[in-house]
Structure formats: C-alpha cells, structure tokens
Protein backbone atom coordinates (compact mmCIF):
# COMPACT_ATOMS: atom_id res chain seq x y z
CA UNK A 1 39.88 9.41 -37.10
CA UNK A 2 38.65 12.87 -36.05
CA UNK A 3 41.31 15.36 -34.95
CA UNK A 4 44.14 13.46 -36.56
CA UNK A 5 46.93 14.22 -38.99
CA UNK A 6 48.52 11.55 -41.19
CA UNK A 7 51.95 11.99 -42.83
CA UNK A 8 52.89 10.01 -45.92
CA UNK A 9 55.34 9.80 -48.81
CA UNK A 10 55.29 8.16 -52.21
CA UNK A 11 57.99 5.53 -51.85
CA UNK A 12 59.27 5.70 -55.43
CA UNK A 13 59.09 9.46 -55.95
CA UNK A 14 60.24 12.68 -54.28
CA UNK A 15 56.81 13.73 -53.00
CA UNK A 16 55.44 13.95 -49.49
CA UNK A 17 51.99 14.66 -48.15
CA UNK A 18 49.75 15.17 -45.14
CA UNK A 19 46.08 14.60 -44.47
CA UNK A 20 44.20 16.20 -41.59
CA UNK A 21 40.69 15.99 -40.17
CA UNK A 22 39.45 18.25 -37.37
CA UNK A 23 36.22 17.93 -35.44
CA UNK A 24 36.31 18.39 -31.65
CA UNK A 25 39.30 20.74 -31.73
CA UNK A 26 37.62 22.82 -34.45
CA UNK A 27 34.39 23.07 -32.43
CA UNK A 28 36.36 24.02 -29.31
CA UNK A 29 37.95 26.94 -31.19
CA UNK A 30 34.55 28.09 -32.48
CA UNK A 31 33.09 28.04 -28.95
CA UNK A 32 35.52 30.86 -28.15
CA UNK A 33 34.84 32.77 -31.39
CA UNK A 34 31.25 33.90 -31.97
CA UNK A 35 31.43 34.25 -35.75
CA UNK A 36 29.10 34.27 -38.75
CA UNK A 37 29.13 30.88 -40.51
CA UNK A 38 31.27 31.96 -43.50
CA UNK A 39 33.97 33.35 -41.20
CA UNK A 40 33.79 30.36 -38.85
CA UNK A 41 34.35 27.98 -41.75
CA UNK A 42 37.19 30.11 -43.06
CA UNK A 43 38.81 29.97 -39.63
CA UNK A 44 38.42 26.19 -39.89
CA UNK A 45 40.44 26.24 -43.11
CA UNK A 46 43.21 28.18 -41.36
CA UNK A 47 43.24 25.66 -38.50
CA UNK A 48 43.55 22.72 -40.90
CA UNK A 49 46.27 24.48 -42.90
CA UNK A 50 48.25 25.31 -39.75
CA UNK A 51 48.17 21.62 -38.80
CA UNK A 52 49.35 20.58 -42.26
CA UNK A 53 52.15 23.14 -42.23
CA UNK A 54 53.25 22.30 -38.69
CA UNK A 55 54.60 18.95 -39.86
CA UNK A 56 57.59 20.87 -41.21
CA UNK A 57 58.65 21.74 -37.63
CA UNK A 58 61.79 19.81 -36.68
CA UNK A 59 62.12 21.46 -33.28
CA UNK A 60 60.09 22.55 -30.27
CA UNK A 61 58.01 25.59 -31.06
CA UNK A 62 54.97 26.65 -33.01
CA UNK A 63 53.81 27.68 -36.45
CA UNK A 64 51.45 30.63 -36.97
CA UNK A 65 49.36 31.14 -40.10
CA UNK A 66 47.87 34.62 -40.32
CA UNK A 67 45.95 36.85 -42.72
CA UNK A 68 45.60 40.60 -42.10
CA UNK A 69 43.90 43.36 -44.01
CA UNK A 70 41.48 46.26 -43.75
CA UNK A 71 38.21 44.54 -44.58
CA UNK A 72 35.28 43.11 -42.64
CA UNK A 73 37.58 40.41 -41.24
CA UNK A 74 40.87 42.23 -40.58
CA UNK A 75 42.50 39.26 -38.82
CA UNK A 76 42.44 35.46 -39.00
CA UNK A 77 45.10 33.56 -37.07
CA UNK A 78 45.74 29.87 -36.42
CA UNK A 79 48.60 28.36 -34.40
CA UNK A 80 49.80 24.77 -34.12
CA UNK A 81 52.68 23.57 -31.93
CA UNK A 82 55.10 20.69 -32.37
CA UNK A 83 52.87 18.85 -29.86
CA UNK A 84 49.88 19.34 -32.24
CA UNK A 85 48.19 21.76 -29.83
CA UNK A 86 45.88 23.99 -31.86
CA UNK A 87 44.22 27.35 -31.32
CA UNK A 88 42.89 30.18 -33.49
CA UNK A 89 40.95 33.43 -33.65
CA UNK A 90 39.16 35.62 -36.17
CA UNK A 91 38.25 39.27 -35.65
CA UNK A 92 35.34 41.17 -37.20
CA UNK A 93 35.50 44.88 -37.98
CA UNK A 94 32.95 47.10 -36.29
CA UNK A 95 29.74 47.06 -38.32
CA UNK A 96 31.00 44.25 -40.55
CA UNK A 97 28.58 42.99 -43.18
CA UNK A 98 29.48 39.39 -44.03
CA UNK A 99 28.37 38.14 -47.43
CA UNK A 100 27.87 34.38 -47.38
CA UNK A 101 29.57 34.09 -50.78
CA UNK A 102 32.56 36.33 -50.00
CA UNK A 103 36.03 34.98 -50.71
CA UNK A 104 39.01 35.13 -48.37
CA UNK A 105 40.46 38.10 -50.24
CA UNK A 106 37.16 39.98 -50.11
CA UNK A 107 36.73 39.37 -46.38
CA UNK A 108 40.30 40.35 -45.46
CA UNK A 109 39.97 43.40 -47.67
CA UNK A 110 42.46 46.00 -48.95
CA UNK A 111 46.19 45.57 -48.28
CA UNK A 112 45.62 41.93 -47.39
CA UNK A 113 48.69 39.81 -46.64
CA UNK A 114 49.27 36.18 -45.71
CA UNK A 115 52.11 35.30 -43.37
CA UNK A 116 53.61 32.09 -42.02
CA UNK A 117 55.69 32.47 -38.87
CA UNK A 118 57.89 29.74 -37.42
CA UNK A 119 58.68 30.44 -33.77
CA UNK A 120 61.13 27.95 -32.23
CA UNK A 121 61.48 27.72 -28.47
CA UNK A 122 65.25 28.03 -28.94
CA UNK A 123 66.45 30.08 -31.91
CA UNK A 124 65.32 32.93 -34.09
CA UNK A 125 61.80 33.49 -35.32
CA UNK A 126 61.29 33.31 -39.09
CA UNK A 127 58.43 34.91 -41.00
CA UNK A 128 57.48 34.86 -44.67
CA UNK A 129 54.83 37.22 -46.09
CA UNK A 130 53.06 37.38 -49.45
CA UNK A 131 50.25 39.62 -50.73
CA UNK A 132 46.79 38.09 -50.54
CA UNK A 133 46.04 37.96 -54.25
CA UNK A 134 43.95 34.79 -54.75
CA UNK A 135 40.39 34.02 -53.71
CA UNK A 136 40.89 30.91 -51.55
CA UNK A 137 43.29 30.02 -48.75
CA UNK A 138 44.56 27.00 -50.69
CA UNK A 139 45.51 29.18 -53.66
CA UNK A 140 47.14 31.80 -51.43
CA UNK A 141 49.22 29.14 -49.69
CA UNK A 142 50.33 27.76 -53.03
CA UNK A 143 51.39 31.30 -53.98
CA UNK A 144 53.34 31.55 -50.72
CA UNK A 145 55.34 28.40 -51.39
CA UNK A 146 56.02 29.41 -54.99
CA UNK A 147 57.23 32.91 -54.05
CA UNK A 148 58.86 32.38 -50.65
CA UNK A 149 60.03 28.78 -50.56
CA UNK A 150 60.33 27.87 -54.28
CA UNK A 151 58.68 24.53 -53.51
CA UNK A 152 55.89 23.07 -55.65
CA UNK A 153 53.05 22.64 -53.14
CA UNK A 154 49.30 22.03 -53.46
CA UNK A 155 46.44 22.18 -50.94
CA UNK A 156 42.88 20.87 -50.87
CA UNK A 157 40.87 22.09 -47.86
CA UNK A 158 37.14 21.75 -47.18
CA UNK A 159 35.36 23.20 -44.15
CA UNK A 160 31.83 22.62 -42.86
CA UNK A 161 30.09 23.84 -39.70
CA UNK A 162 31.30 20.75 -37.79
CA UNK A 163 34.43 19.36 -39.44
CA UNK A 164 37.39 20.38 -41.57
CA UNK A 165 39.50 18.18 -43.81
CA UNK A 166 42.59 18.89 -45.84
CA UNK A 167 45.39 17.46 -47.95
CA UNK A 168 48.82 18.94 -48.67
CA UNK A 169 51.20 17.61 -51.33
CA UNK A 170 54.75 18.88 -51.75
CA UNK A 171 57.74 18.08 -53.92
CA UNK A 172 60.79 17.03 -51.91
CA UNK A 173 63.91 18.72 -53.30
CA UNK A 174 67.07 16.74 -53.78
CA UNK A 175 66.00 13.27 -52.64
CA UNK A 176 66.42 11.69 -56.09
CA UNK A 177 64.21 8.69 -55.42
CA UNK A 178 63.50 8.72 -59.16
CA UNK A 179 64.67 10.51 -62.27
CA UNK A 180 63.66 14.11 -62.89
CA UNK A 181 61.21 13.07 -65.59
CA UNK A 182 59.67 10.34 -63.40
CA UNK A 183 59.26 12.74 -60.51
CA UNK A 184 57.68 15.35 -62.79
CA UNK A 185 55.19 12.80 -64.16
CA UNK A 186 54.39 11.54 -60.66
CA UNK A 187 53.78 15.10 -59.43
CA UNK A 188 51.31 15.73 -62.26
CA UNK A 189 49.60 12.41 -61.53
CA UNK A 190 49.37 13.08 -57.79
CA UNK A 191 47.73 16.45 -58.40
CA UNK A 192 45.19 14.99 -60.82
CA UNK A 193 44.33 12.23 -58.35
CA UNK A 194 43.95 14.67 -55.46
CA UNK A 195 41.59 16.80 -57.56
CA UNK A 196 39.08 13.93 -57.42
CA UNK A 197 38.67 14.14 -53.64
CA UNK A 198 35.25 15.24 -52.41
CA UNK A 199 34.35 17.33 -49.36
CA UNK A 200 32.50 14.36 -47.88
CA UNK A 201 35.59 12.15 -48.21
CA UNK A 202 37.79 14.77 -46.56
CA UNK A 203 35.34 15.11 -43.67
CA UNK A 204 34.46 11.49 -42.99
CA UNK A 205 36.69 8.91 -44.69
CA UNK A 206 39.42 7.29 -42.54
CA UNK A 207 42.83 8.51 -43.64
CA UNK A 208 44.17 5.06 -44.49
CA UNK A 209 41.17 4.41 -46.71
CA UNK A 210 41.36 7.81 -48.36
CA UNK A 211 45.08 7.40 -48.99
CA UNK A 212 44.45 4.12 -50.80
CA UNK A 213 41.45 5.49 -52.69
CA UNK A 214 43.33 8.49 -54.04
CA UNK A 215 46.94 7.44 -54.46
CA UNK A 216 47.26 3.63 -54.54
CA UNK A 217 48.98 3.66 -57.95
CA UNK A 218 51.78 5.87 -56.53
CA UNK A 219 52.41 3.45 -53.65
CA UNK A 220 51.93 5.76 -50.67
CA UNK A 221 53.63 4.87 -47.38
CA UNK A 222 52.11 6.16 -44.12
CA UNK A 223 54.70 7.71 -41.80
CA UNK A 224 52.67 8.15 -38.64
CA UNK A 225 49.65 9.80 -37.07
CA UNK A 226 49.44 12.82 -34.77
CA UNK A 227 46.44 13.51 -32.55
CA UNK A 228 45.30 17.14 -32.72
CA UNK A 229 43.75 18.91 -29.74
CA UNK A 230 42.60 22.39 -28.86
CA UNK A 231 44.89 23.77 -26.17
CA UNK A 232 45.56 27.39 -25.36
CA UNK A 233 49.04 28.40 -24.25
CA UNK A 234 47.86 31.28 -22.09
CA UNK A 235 48.60 31.22 -18.35
CA UNK A 236 48.67 33.48 -15.34
CA UNK A 237 52.46 33.34 -15.48
CA UNK A 238 52.53 34.66 -19.05
CA UNK A 239 50.14 37.47 -18.14
CA UNK A 240 52.37 38.30 -15.18
CA UNK A 241 55.43 38.46 -17.43
CA UNK A 242 53.58 40.79 -19.82
CA UNK A 243 52.78 43.16 -16.95
CA UNK A 244 56.36 43.06 -15.69
CA UNK A 245 57.55 43.93 -19.20
CA UNK A 246 55.40 47.08 -19.09
CA UNK A 247 57.25 48.31 -16.01
CA UNK A 248 55.90 49.39 -12.61
CA UNK A 249 54.99 52.96 -13.51
CA UNK A 250 52.79 51.95 -16.46
CA UNK A 251 51.22 49.05 -14.57
CA UNK A 252 50.29 51.15 -11.53
CA UNK A 253 48.77 53.80 -13.82
CA UNK A 254 46.72 51.06 -15.46
CA UNK A 255 45.70 49.78 -12.02
CA UNK A 256 44.35 53.21 -11.07
CA UNK A 257 42.56 53.60 -14.39
CA UNK A 258 40.82 50.25 -13.96
CA UNK A 259 39.64 50.88 -10.44
CA UNK A 260 42.16 48.84 -8.49
CA UNK A 261 42.15 45.64 -10.53
CA UNK A 262 43.80 44.78 -13.86
CA UNK A 263 42.06 42.21 -16.01
CA UNK A 264 44.00 40.40 -18.72
CA UNK A 265 41.79 38.58 -21.24
CA UNK A 266 43.06 35.78 -23.48
CA UNK A 267 41.83 36.37 -27.02
CA UNK A 268 41.99 32.66 -27.85
CA UNK A 269 40.09 30.99 -25.00
CA UNK A 270 38.45 33.96 -23.20
CA UNK A 271 40.10 33.11 -19.88
CA UNK A 272 40.43 36.13 -17.59
CA UNK A 273 43.40 36.72 -15.30
CA UNK A 274 42.81 39.31 -12.57
CA UNK A 275 45.50 41.19 -10.69
CA UNK A 276 44.70 43.28 -7.60
CA UNK A 277 46.99 45.80 -5.93
CA UNK A 278 48.58 43.27 -3.61
CA UNK A 279 49.36 40.94 -6.51
CA UNK A 280 50.86 43.81 -8.51
CA UNK A 281 53.09 44.75 -5.58
CA UNK A 282 54.20 41.13 -5.35
CA UNK A 283 55.09 41.13 -9.06
CA UNK A 284 57.43 44.06 -8.57
CA UNK A 285 58.46 43.17 -5.02
CA UNK A 286 57.86 46.78 -4.05
CA UNK A 287 55.09 49.29 -3.24
CA UNK A 288 53.94 51.57 -6.07
CA UNK A 289 56.22 54.34 -7.27
CA UNK A 290 55.18 57.94 -6.89
CA UNK A 291 53.11 58.75 -9.97
CA UNK A 292 53.29 62.20 -11.51
C-alpha cells in the first residue's frame, strides 16, 4: 500500500475524498535534499498534499504546491503530474537555525505565501495565492480553498522520517445526491470521523481498511488507486532549451566565465548536465559571436 493514492466518494452525499501514503518516493526525494528532520518532514507534508491535490487534474500536466517567505526556510515546493510522478525541494537560508518545534509559518518567515499552480501541457497556467497565516500546512490549505475556490475542504496529514500519510475531504458543489440539509449533516459527520484518525493509521493501515474504519456509516465507494513514484522531469533537452532561450551572446559569455564548460544542475535530483564549447556551437548551429 506504500506510495499509493486512493480516491473515493460517499455514494449518498456530495462529498469526495482521497487518501495517500508515501514511503519510497518520499525517501527518494529526501536523498536529494539534505535537510534537518523538521524541514524534511514538512517537505513530506507538501509531497502528500501535492498528490492529494493532483487528483483534480483532468488533463495532462502538473500541479505545484509552493510556500515562499523570508525565513529560515524561504522555499518549499512539491510537484505531482497527472501520471502521479512526484518530486520536491526545500531550501534553507544561509545560517538557518531550525527549531524542532517551529511551525510552517515560523519556518517560512515574514511575507510568507502559499500558492497552488496548475500547469497544463496544453492551455494556460493558473495560479492561486493566499497569505501564509496558519501554523500548519493542513490549515493553510483549508484557508486556500475557502478564499480562492470557495469549496469546503479539510486535510489531515502526518509525516514521519520514513513515511507520510494524508486524507483530503471536499464538498462537491451541485451534484445534489442528497438534500442540502443531509449533505450538511454528512459533511459534519465526515469531519468528526476523520478527526479520529491516528498518525500510525495514516502511515501503516491499508487504504481499504482505513476507509472502512473511518467512514463505513457514510457508505464510501472506492474509485481507483494510483501508484505514486519519484520521477524528475529534468533532461538534457530541457537544459539545452534553457540555454537557447538565453541567446548565443549570453551563453558564450557564461561559457568563458566558467572556463569553457557550462554546468546545469537540477535542483530536484542533483543531476548535472555539462555543455562544452563544441556542444554550445551545435546548439546554435554557429561559431560564437564576437563578444564586446
């Protein structure tokens, strides 16, 4: 059941949900991010949340969940694609002092903001941003959906050094599977039931069993399972396109500054792509311009 996401609905009410558990994919991300334990576990929460949110994608593309600020951890970013490929990073400020009990808002620091970006392969990118005003990621995400999407949404996310587990519940607008009063009562009940979940259950209990344990009285119906994996989308081709976008004059200046070889490092997986003079000339199909 590790590295899986389960989608479900309550058959008699306008509520949907997702459960996710990450283990190997989470550890693979951490191998590329040498982080203090509190920040590593917070990155795990972002990874789980990105998986939960990615189920809203109805097209080819990816979803990015990001927090930025001016604190000891100025950036946390997690991405999940429609193929359930997952990657993430966290950045520490120079000289950062990480308190083991620090909250998300304290770590991100002043002017903190949470953003969700939907980036379809075909179509326009959409981004929603809210101030980072609550202490936990779950609370900040609930704020986001209240302010930006006007959808009642709740999250329960628990991260440990080895695994992450999470649940998302959301009201479905306009389905009318039940009356307004019945849906309201079911939403209250679902939240109360989800509040009973423990970290151990989120980390280790099979999703089918956990679904029955928590929500059997609301008659949940499983809609399918997705297998999550760590996979970075970097490539030599993408690095080449980035250099081409800079233009020949800037690239040849950079080549001289770096002693005849440009190195492009992927922030997510630490892969290095090296470009010598001959490869740069091939990119531009021409010898270097005269630099002034």
